[in-house]
Amino acid sequence: MTILTRRDLNRATLARQLLLDRARMPVLDAVEHLAGLQAQTPHSWYLGFASRLADVRPEQVAELLDRREIVRIALMRGTIHLVSARDCRWMRPLVQPVLDRDLRSNSTHTRPIEGLDLDELADAARPILEERPRTSKELGALLAEHGAAAGWGERAPASLAYAARNRMALVQVPPRGLWGRSGPIAHTTAESWLGAPLAGDASPEDLVLRYLAAFGPATVKDVQAWSGLTRLREVVDRLRPRLAAFTGEDGQELFDLPDAPRPGGDAPAPPRLLYDFDNLLLSHADRSRFVTAEHLARGYATRRPVPGWVLVDGFTGGEWEIARERDAAVLTIRTFAPPPEGLAEEGERLLAFAHADAARRDVRVERLRTPP
């Protein structure tokens, strides 16, 4: 069986994630090609397009969100993701076990909803949310009022709203998430927002194939880490006749789509600037195909706020942040080693995307101190 090195895996996934060469494709096609983008922050995820697409502007992305062609919804790992309306309809039912598991184990909300019929809760929440989008505070108060009359007893409104969010397919509606704007976190049902029911015929096999197209080659544990689902070994085994199999340097079996790009570890990887919660660094159980030992030594896992990330030769090689100073936007890039050729130009591209209105845009490249 062919052995794929860590660099082979690095380059293959970078190619799928449009980070070796910027793609010229419509934004909607890119969202589906990438199997969505992690998008729990209101705006930083827009920068994921600047790193991946040529000739893209944030307003183009925002227009799709406003037109309901893309949505922000709790999906993989129970985290807010940006996906197409088409993918939302079939992906959301498949990750329901992830959200159910969260409700059973959440230290804040599990006890307050103990003994409550969650289907009855969802039935009560649906007309409230479809009348108009509601914040969690509004939804919780209305559900508590309904529950008092329905014999639910006293229940914490915040926990009622959280349970509804996990049991139902709820999208965050604009203006929340629109570029240059914001608003309260308000939800309505995906069915109401999209004007179509959720798909009932999707299978876990569909999800695994989409994952491999965007993040492969990968192990079963990698697929589970990305999706939050468990027991996917049997799903991958059913797909085995349709997949190519490889071995990693650590001896683990890797799976991939037979015709997916695998350019090899020697393929050039230009510097790239990733946003704070970029999927590239969050979608594998073994993240060593991108994350370096020096990155881990700096304690980024507990650092807040989370910085942006610098890819140098395809691997984590630094951090970045943008500060707006009146009419100027300043991007500071800090690297672990001497900065590679083209890094400043990459920074200029990012600033032009994120702060086109700035009268002055400055890129500063510095070296980080050696970690203690």
Protein backbone atom coordinates (compact mmCIF):
# COMPACT_ATOMS: atom_id res chain seq x y z
CA MET A 1 0.00 0.00 0.00
CA THR A 2 1.32 3.44 -0.95
CA ILE A 3 2.76 5.44 1.96
CA LEU A 4 1.85 9.13 2.16
CA THR A 5 4.24 11.33 4.13
CA ARG A 6 3.15 14.22 6.31
CA ARG A 7 4.15 16.61 3.52
CA ASP A 8 2.11 14.59 1.02
CA LEU A 9 -0.94 14.96 3.26
CA ASN A 10 -0.20 18.64 3.74
CA ARG A 11 -0.08 19.38 0.04
CA ALA A 12 -3.11 17.23 -0.80
CA THR A 13 -5.32 19.00 1.72
CA LEU A 14 -3.98 22.44 0.80
CA ALA A 15 -4.95 21.68 -2.80
CA ARG A 16 -8.51 20.71 -1.78
CA GLN A 17 -8.77 23.83 0.37
CA LEU A 18 -7.74 26.11 -2.53
CA LEU A 19 -4.63 27.21 -0.64
CA LEU A 20 -1.97 26.18 -3.15
CA ASP A 21 -3.45 28.26 -5.94
CA ARG A 22 -6.30 30.73 -5.59
CA ALA A 23 -9.32 29.50 -7.48
CA ARG A 24 -11.46 31.40 -9.92
CA MET A 25 -14.90 30.12 -9.07
CA PRO A 26 -18.14 31.64 -7.84
CA VAL A 27 -18.37 32.11 -4.08
CA LEU A 28 -21.31 29.72 -3.78
CA ASP A 29 -19.40 26.99 -5.59
CA ALA A 30 -16.42 27.58 -3.31
CA VAL A 31 -18.54 27.23 -0.16
CA GLU A 32 -19.78 23.86 -1.37
CA HIS A 33 -16.35 22.77 -2.60
CA LEU A 34 -14.93 23.46 0.88
CA ALA A 35 -17.79 21.63 2.64
CA GLY A 36 -18.51 24.90 4.45
CA LEU A 37 -16.44 27.24 6.60
CA GLN A 38 -16.41 27.43 10.38
CA ALA A 39 -18.15 30.74 11.11
CA GLN A 40 -18.96 31.25 14.77
CA THR A 41 -17.59 34.79 14.72
CA PRO A 42 -19.67 37.42 12.90
CA HIS A 43 -17.08 38.39 10.29
CA SER A 44 -13.59 36.85 10.54
CA TRP A 45 -14.61 33.91 8.34
CA TYR A 46 -14.92 36.26 5.37
CA LEU A 47 -11.12 36.30 5.30
CA GLY A 48 -11.17 32.62 4.41
CA PHE A 49 -12.28 33.65 0.94
CA ALA A 50 -9.47 36.18 0.58
CA SER A 51 -6.95 33.36 1.05
CA ARG A 52 -8.67 30.99 -1.37
CA LEU A 53 -10.34 32.91 -4.20
CA ALA A 54 -9.04 35.35 -6.79
CA ASP A 55 -10.92 38.59 -7.43
CA VAL A 56 -13.37 38.24 -4.55
CA ARG A 57 -14.86 41.01 -2.43
CA PRO A 58 -16.58 40.62 0.95
CA GLU A 59 -19.70 42.31 -0.40
CA GLN A 60 -20.15 39.43 -2.86
CA VAL A 61 -20.23 36.97 0.02
CA ALA A 62 -22.57 39.13 2.10
CA GLU A 63 -24.99 39.39 -0.81
CA LEU A 64 -25.35 35.60 -0.90
CA LEU A 65 -26.04 35.56 2.84
CA ASP A 66 -28.67 38.25 2.46
CA ARG A 67 -30.26 36.38 -0.46
CA ARG A 68 -30.43 33.17 1.62
CA GLU A 69 -28.19 31.23 -0.77
CA ILE A 70 -25.73 30.62 2.07
CA VAL A 71 -26.56 30.38 5.78
CA ARG A 72 -24.88 30.24 9.17
CA ILE A 73 -26.13 27.32 11.26
CA ALA A 74 -24.92 24.89 13.96
CA LEU A 75 -23.52 21.88 12.10
CA MET A 76 -20.27 19.96 12.40
CA ARG A 77 -19.14 19.55 16.02
CA GLY A 78 -22.20 21.63 16.98
CA THR A 79 -20.33 24.76 15.83
CA ILE A 80 -21.72 27.52 13.63
CA HIS A 81 -20.71 26.91 10.01
CA LEU A 82 -21.33 28.77 6.79
CA VAL A 83 -22.81 26.44 4.19
CA SER A 84 -24.91 26.71 1.07
CA ALA A 85 -28.68 26.50 1.40
CA ARG A 86 -28.53 23.24 -0.54
CA ASP A 87 -26.00 21.68 1.81
CA CYS A 88 -27.80 22.97 4.90
CA ARG A 89 -30.92 21.00 4.01
CA TRP A 90 -29.15 17.61 3.98
CA MET A 91 -26.19 18.16 6.31
CA ARG A 92 -28.18 19.41 9.28
CA PRO A 93 -30.24 16.22 9.82
CA LEU A 94 -27.09 14.10 9.65
CA VAL A 95 -25.37 15.90 12.55
CA GLN A 96 -28.40 15.76 14.85
CA PRO A 97 -26.71 13.09 17.04
CA VAL A 98 -23.90 15.57 17.75
CA LEU A 99 -26.34 18.17 19.06
CA ASP A 100 -28.32 15.57 21.02
CA ARG A 101 -25.10 14.43 22.70
CA ASP A 102 -24.31 18.00 23.66
CA LEU A 103 -27.70 18.36 25.33
CA ARG A 104 -27.06 15.21 27.37
CA SER A 105 -23.63 16.37 28.56
CA ASN A 106 -23.78 20.17 28.72
CA SER A 107 -22.89 21.22 32.27
CA THR A 108 -25.04 24.33 32.11
CA HIS A 109 -28.19 23.19 30.34
CA THR A 110 -28.64 19.44 30.89
CA ARG A 111 -30.13 19.55 34.38
CA PRO A 112 -32.66 22.39 33.77
CA ILE A 113 -34.29 20.42 30.91
CA GLU A 114 -34.19 17.02 32.62
CA GLY A 115 -37.44 15.12 32.10
CA LEU A 116 -38.72 17.53 29.47
CA ASP A 117 -40.22 16.12 26.27
CA LEU A 118 -37.89 17.73 23.71
CA ASP A 119 -40.20 17.02 20.80
CA GLU A 120 -42.93 18.92 22.64
CA LEU A 121 -40.45 21.73 23.24
CA ALA A 122 -39.63 21.91 19.52
CA ASP A 123 -43.34 21.91 18.64
CA ALA A 124 -43.83 24.86 20.97
CA ALA A 125 -40.80 26.73 19.66
CA ARG A 126 -41.56 26.36 15.97
CA PRO A 127 -44.45 28.84 15.64
CA ILE A 128 -42.64 31.31 17.88
CA LEU A 129 -39.56 31.24 15.65
CA GLU A 130 -41.47 31.21 12.39
CA GLU A 131 -43.59 34.18 13.36
CA ARG A 132 -40.34 36.19 13.25
CA PRO A 133 -36.68 35.60 14.13
CA ARG A 134 -36.03 35.61 17.88
CA THR A 135 -33.01 36.09 20.07
CA SER A 136 -32.28 33.38 22.61
CA LYS A 137 -33.50 35.68 25.38
CA GLU A 138 -36.81 36.28 23.61
CA LEU A 139 -37.27 32.62 22.74
CA GLY A 140 -36.43 31.44 26.26
CA ALA A 141 -38.89 33.85 27.87
CA LEU A 142 -41.71 32.81 25.53
CA LEU A 143 -40.98 29.11 26.00
CA ALA A 144 -40.92 29.53 29.79
CA GLU A 145 -44.29 31.28 29.61
CA HIS A 146 -45.69 28.50 27.42
CA GLY A 147 -44.20 25.84 29.69
CA ALA A 148 -45.80 27.29 32.80
CA ALA A 149 -49.20 26.85 31.17
CA ALA A 150 -48.33 23.44 29.70
CA GLY A 151 -47.20 21.94 33.01
CA TRP A 152 -43.47 21.87 32.38
CA GLY A 153 -42.77 23.40 35.76
CA GLU A 154 -40.20 26.11 36.30
CA ARG A 155 -37.45 25.81 33.72
CA ALA A 156 -34.52 28.14 33.08
CA PRO A 157 -35.41 30.18 29.97
CA ALA A 158 -31.82 30.11 28.68
CA SER A 159 -31.79 26.32 28.82
CA LEU A 160 -35.12 26.07 27.03
CA ALA A 161 -33.78 28.27 24.23
CA TYR A 162 -30.55 26.26 24.06
CA ALA A 163 -32.46 22.98 23.85
CA ALA A 164 -34.59 24.36 21.03
CA ARG A 165 -31.46 25.46 19.18
CA ASN A 166 -30.03 21.93 19.45
CA ARG A 167 -33.21 20.05 18.62
CA MET A 168 -34.20 22.20 15.64
CA ALA A 169 -32.41 23.40 12.52
CA LEU A 170 -32.08 27.09 13.35
CA VAL A 171 -30.24 29.59 11.17
CA GLN A 172 -28.75 32.87 12.36
CA VAL A 173 -30.44 35.52 10.25
CA PRO A 174 -28.98 38.76 8.83
CA PRO A 175 -28.05 41.44 9.55
CA ARG A 176 -25.96 39.28 11.91
CA GLY A 177 -22.94 38.24 9.89
CA LEU A 178 -23.28 40.74 7.06
CA TRP A 179 -20.02 42.45 6.12
CA GLY A 180 -19.78 45.92 7.58
CA ARG A 181 -22.95 45.40 9.59
CA SER A 182 -24.11 43.34 12.53
CA GLY A 183 -27.08 42.74 14.73
CA PRO A 184 -28.32 40.54 17.54
CA ILE A 185 -28.02 36.76 17.28
CA ALA A 186 -31.55 35.97 16.12
CA HIS A 187 -32.79 32.62 14.83
CA THR A 188 -35.56 31.19 12.74
CA THR A 189 -36.06 27.71 11.37
CA ALA A 190 -34.08 26.65 8.32
CA GLU A 191 -37.28 25.39 6.73
CA SER A 192 -38.95 28.78 7.06
CA TRP A 193 -35.87 30.77 6.02
CA LEU A 194 -35.12 28.62 2.98
CA GLY A 195 -38.71 27.91 1.99
CA ALA A 196 -38.10 24.18 1.75
CA PRO A 197 -38.10 21.18 4.10
CA LEU A 198 -34.97 19.47 5.32
CA ALA A 199 -33.90 16.51 3.24
CA GLY A 200 -34.83 13.13 4.61
CA ASP A 201 -32.80 10.93 2.28
CA ALA A 202 -29.20 11.93 3.00
CA SER A 203 -26.80 9.33 4.38
CA PRO A 204 -23.59 9.44 6.43
CA GLU A 205 -21.83 8.14 3.33
CA ASP A 206 -22.65 11.45 1.61
CA LEU A 207 -21.03 13.36 4.47
CA VAL A 208 -17.89 11.21 4.45
CA LEU A 209 -17.43 11.68 0.71
CA ARG A 210 -17.82 15.44 0.96
CA TYR A 211 -15.30 15.51 3.80
CA LEU A 212 -12.72 13.54 1.83
CA ALA A 213 -13.19 15.81 -1.19
CA ALA A 214 -12.42 18.85 0.97
CA PHE A 215 -9.93 17.51 3.56
CA GLY A 216 -8.59 14.14 2.46
CA PRO A 217 -6.70 11.89 2.52
CA ALA A 218 -7.88 11.09 6.03
CA THR A 219 -8.40 8.44 8.68
CA VAL A 220 -11.75 7.46 10.14
CA LYS A 221 -10.78 9.39 13.28
CA ASP A 222 -10.21 12.48 11.14
CA VAL A 223 -13.72 12.28 9.70
CA GLN A 224 -15.13 11.90 13.20
CA ALA A 225 -13.12 14.84 14.53
CA TRP A 226 -14.46 17.10 11.76
CA SER A 227 -18.09 16.04 11.94
CA GLY A 228 -18.44 15.29 15.64
CA LEU A 229 -20.12 12.01 14.72
CA THR A 230 -18.95 8.68 16.14
CA ARG A 231 -18.92 5.07 14.89
CA LEU A 232 -18.07 6.00 11.33
CA ARG A 233 -15.79 3.01 10.78
CA GLU A 234 -18.70 0.95 9.46
CA VAL A 235 -19.71 3.81 7.15
CA VAL A 236 -16.19 4.02 5.70
CA ASP A 237 -16.09 0.23 5.35
CA ARG A 238 -19.26 0.37 3.24
CA LEU A 239 -17.59 2.99 1.06
CA ARG A 240 -14.29 1.11 0.79
CA PRO A 241 -14.90 -0.21 -2.77
CA ARG A 242 -15.30 3.41 -3.94
CA LEU A 243 -12.23 4.76 -2.13
CA ALA A 244 -8.48 4.71 -2.55
CA ALA A 245 -6.56 3.50 0.51
CA PHE A 246 -3.11 4.61 1.66
CA THR A 247 -0.86 4.30 4.69
CA GLY A 248 0.46 7.22 6.71
CA GLU A 249 3.96 7.49 8.14
CA ASP A 250 2.50 6.37 11.48
CA GLY A 251 1.02 3.22 9.93
CA GLN A 252 -2.60 4.38 10.06
CA GLU A 253 -4.90 3.65 7.14
CA LEU A 254 -5.94 6.69 5.13
CA PHE A 255 -8.84 6.96 2.72
CA ASP A 256 -9.44 9.27 -0.21
CA LEU A 257 -11.42 9.75 -3.39
CA PRO A 258 -9.53 7.99 -6.20
CA ASP A 259 -9.37 11.02 -8.51
CA ALA A 260 -8.83 13.73 -5.87
CA PRO A 261 -5.70 15.90 -6.24
CA ARG A 262 -2.57 14.67 -4.48
CA PRO A 263 0.21 16.87 -5.86
CA GLY A 264 2.99 15.40 -3.71
CA GLY A 265 5.08 16.80 -0.88
CA ASP A 266 7.40 18.72 -3.20
CA ALA A 267 4.65 20.95 -4.60
CA PRO A 268 5.30 24.63 -3.79
CA ALA A 269 3.07 26.12 -1.08
CA PRO A 270 3.01 29.93 -1.05
CA PRO A 271 2.51 31.79 2.24
CA ARG A 272 -1.09 32.15 3.28
CA LEU A 273 -2.88 34.01 6.07
CA LEU A 274 -5.69 32.02 7.70
CA TYR A 275 -8.46 33.45 9.84
CA ASP A 276 -8.78 32.63 13.54
CA PHE A 277 -11.01 29.54 13.25
CA ASP A 278 -10.02 28.39 9.79
CA ASN A 279 -11.27 24.88 9.03
CA LEU A 280 -7.86 23.86 7.75
CA LEU A 281 -6.50 23.65 11.31
CA LEU A 282 -9.62 22.20 12.95
CA SER A 283 -10.72 19.32 10.75
CA HIS A 284 -8.40 16.41 11.55
CA ALA A 285 -7.82 14.31 14.64
CA ASP A 286 -4.11 14.39 13.81
CA ARG A 287 -3.32 18.01 12.97
CA SER A 288 0.40 17.46 12.45
CA ARG A 289 -0.11 17.72 8.68
CA PHE A 290 -0.31 21.48 9.33
CA VAL A 291 0.46 22.30 12.98
CA THR A 292 4.12 22.50 14.00
CA ALA A 293 5.70 21.68 17.35
CA GLU A 294 6.68 25.32 17.80
CA HIS A 295 3.06 26.37 17.27
CA LEU A 296 1.96 23.95 20.01
CA ALA A 297 4.69 25.14 22.37
CA ARG A 298 3.32 28.67 22.32
CA GLY A 299 0.05 27.72 24.04
CA TYR A 300 -2.33 28.99 21.39
CA ALA A 301 -4.99 26.50 22.49
CA THR A 302 -5.80 28.63 25.54
CA ARG A 303 -4.98 32.06 24.14
CA ARG A 304 -7.78 34.60 23.76
CA PRO A 305 -8.47 36.32 21.53
CA VAL A 306 -7.41 33.76 18.96
CA PRO A 307 -5.02 35.32 16.40
CA GLY A 308 -4.93 34.66 12.70
CA TRP A 309 -2.44 32.09 11.48
CA VAL A 310 0.46 32.24 9.04
CA LEU A 311 1.21 29.27 6.80
CA VAL A 312 4.85 29.05 5.78
CA ASP A 313 5.66 26.24 3.35
CA GLY A 314 2.21 24.86 4.18
CA PHE A 315 2.72 24.65 7.96
CA THR A 316 1.89 26.95 10.87
CA GLY A 317 4.74 29.43 11.01
CA GLY A 318 3.42 32.47 12.82
CA GLU A 319 0.46 34.65 13.69
CA TRP A 320 -1.12 37.89 12.52
CA GLU A 321 -3.56 40.57 13.61
CA ILE A 322 -5.12 43.71 12.14
CA ALA A 323 -5.55 46.98 14.01
CA ARG A 324 -7.62 49.85 12.67
CA GLU A 325 -6.13 53.23 13.58
CA ARG A 326 -8.50 55.99 12.43
CA ASP A 327 -8.17 56.05 8.64
CA ALA A 328 -5.35 53.45 8.58
CA ALA A 329 -5.41 49.65 8.72
CA VAL A 330 -2.26 48.01 10.06
CA LEU A 331 -1.57 44.30 9.60
CA THR A 332 1.17 42.93 11.83
CA ILE A 333 2.56 39.53 10.86
CA ARG A 334 4.86 37.73 13.30
CA THR A 335 6.73 34.65 12.13
CA PHE A 336 8.65 31.94 14.00
CA ALA A 337 11.50 31.97 11.44
CA PRO A 338 12.73 34.49 8.85
CA PRO A 339 9.69 35.46 6.75
CA PRO A 340 9.34 33.75 3.38
CA GLU A 341 9.30 35.54 0.06
CA GLY A 342 5.87 36.85 -0.84
CA LEU A 343 4.54 37.15 2.72
CA ALA A 344 4.27 40.94 2.69
CA GLU A 345 2.44 40.82 -0.64
CA GLU A 346 0.03 38.26 0.81
CA GLY A 347 -0.60 40.65 3.69
CA GLU A 348 -1.30 43.50 1.30
CA ARG A 349 -3.88 41.36 -0.48
CA LEU A 350 -5.61 40.53 2.79
CA LEU A 351 -5.70 44.16 3.89
CA ALA A 352 -7.10 45.25 0.55
CA PHE A 353 -9.90 42.71 0.97
CA ALA A 354 -10.70 43.47 4.60
CA HIS A 355 -10.16 47.24 4.66
CA ALA A 356 -10.72 48.55 1.17
CA ASP A 357 -12.00 51.81 2.68
CA ALA A 358 -8.79 52.58 4.59
CA ALA A 359 -6.91 55.64 3.35
CA ARG A 360 -3.66 53.94 4.33
CA ARG A 361 -2.82 50.26 4.62
CA ASP A 362 0.42 49.12 6.25
CA VAL A 363 1.88 45.63 6.52
CA ARG A 364 4.50 45.03 9.22
CA VAL A 365 6.44 41.76 9.32
CA GLU A 366 8.25 40.87 12.56
CA ARG A 367 9.96 37.89 14.18
CA LEU A 368 8.39 36.30 17.25
CA ARG A 369 10.53 35.69 20.28
CA THR A 370 11.53 32.14 21.06
CA PRO A 371 8.89 30.62 23.37
CA PRO A 372 9.95 30.06 26.99
